[in-house]
Protein backbone atom coordinates (compact mmCIF):
# COMPACT_ATOMS: atom_id res chain seq x y z
CA GLY A 1 0.00 0.00 0.00
CA GLU A 2 0.90 3.34 -1.21
CA ILE A 3 -1.19 6.41 -0.47
CA TRP A 4 -2.30 8.48 -3.46
CA TYR A 5 -3.81 11.93 -3.50
CA GLY A 6 -6.73 12.32 -5.87
CA SER A 7 -4.94 14.48 -8.41
CA ASP A 8 -1.90 12.15 -8.37
CA ALA A 9 -4.15 9.12 -8.92
CA VAL A 10 -5.70 10.81 -11.97
CA ALA A 11 -2.25 11.70 -13.35
CA ALA A 12 -1.05 8.12 -12.82
CA GLY A 13 -4.12 6.72 -14.63
CA LEU A 14 -5.38 4.92 -11.53
CA VAL A 15 -8.78 6.66 -11.71
CA ASP A 16 -10.66 8.46 -14.45
CA GLU A 17 -11.84 11.42 -12.41
CA ILE A 18 -12.46 12.65 -8.89
CA LYS A 19 -16.02 13.32 -7.71
CA THR A 20 -18.21 12.70 -4.70
CA SER A 21 -20.38 9.63 -4.47
CA ASP A 22 -23.45 11.92 -4.54
CA ASP A 23 -22.26 13.49 -7.80
CA TYR A 24 -21.73 10.06 -9.32
CA LEU A 25 -25.16 8.80 -8.25
CA LEU A 26 -26.85 11.90 -9.65
CA GLU A 27 -24.97 11.43 -12.92
CA VAL A 28 -26.06 7.80 -13.41
CA SER A 29 -29.55 8.09 -11.90
CA ASP A 30 -31.23 8.48 -15.30
CA ARG A 31 -29.77 5.23 -16.63
CA ALA A 32 -29.44 3.06 -13.52
CA ARG A 33 -31.77 1.68 -10.90
CA LEU A 34 -30.65 3.07 -7.56
CA TYR A 35 -31.78 1.74 -4.20
CA GLU A 36 -31.55 3.24 -0.76
CA VAL A 37 -30.84 0.76 1.99
CA SER A 38 -31.20 1.50 5.66
CA TYR A 39 -30.98 -0.53 8.80
CA ARG A 40 -32.98 -0.15 11.96
CA GLY A 41 -31.68 -2.09 14.89
CA ARG A 42 -33.99 -4.26 16.92
CA LYS A 43 -35.52 -2.48 19.91
CA SER A 44 -35.00 -3.94 23.34
CA PHE A 45 -37.93 -5.36 25.30
CA SER A 46 -38.05 -2.29 27.56
CA GLU A 47 -38.09 0.07 24.55
CA ARG A 48 -40.97 -1.87 22.97
CA LEU A 49 -42.85 -1.96 26.28
CA LEU A 50 -42.39 1.76 26.91
CA GLY A 51 -43.45 2.51 23.33
CA SER A 52 -46.66 0.51 23.81
CA ILE A 53 -47.39 2.25 27.11
CA ASN A 54 -46.74 5.64 25.53
CA THR A 55 -49.11 4.85 22.64
CA ALA A 56 -51.82 3.72 25.06
CA LEU A 57 -51.44 6.84 27.20
CA ASP A 58 -51.56 9.10 24.14
CA GLY A 59 -54.81 7.42 23.09
CA ALA A 60 -56.30 7.82 26.57
CA VAL A 61 -55.35 11.50 26.74
CA ASP A 62 -56.82 12.15 23.28
CA SER A 63 -60.03 10.41 24.32
CA VAL A 64 -60.34 12.55 27.46
CA ARG A 65 -59.66 15.73 25.47
CA GLN A 66 -62.37 14.84 22.96
CA ARG A 67 -64.88 14.16 25.74
CA LEU A 68 -64.05 17.44 27.48
CA SER A 69 -64.32 19.44 24.26
CA ARG A 70 -67.80 17.99 23.56
CA SER A 71 -69.26 18.37 27.03
CA PRO A 72 -71.08 21.59 27.87
CA LEU A 73 -69.60 23.64 30.68
């Protein structure tokens, strides 16, 4: 392993040109099928439990708000 700077790599014929990966993807997007891949890690049991509790509490609060907004004062 040698270390090459971009301009030196072009001069040595090791690469055709220097550009960002975003520039390259934009350039080929009209003639290639591009996919975006993402990864979401698995939530722990406590995170899933707290998420369920939070969803239930949000629903209960919304229900109470709706009842209060409909009841005459």
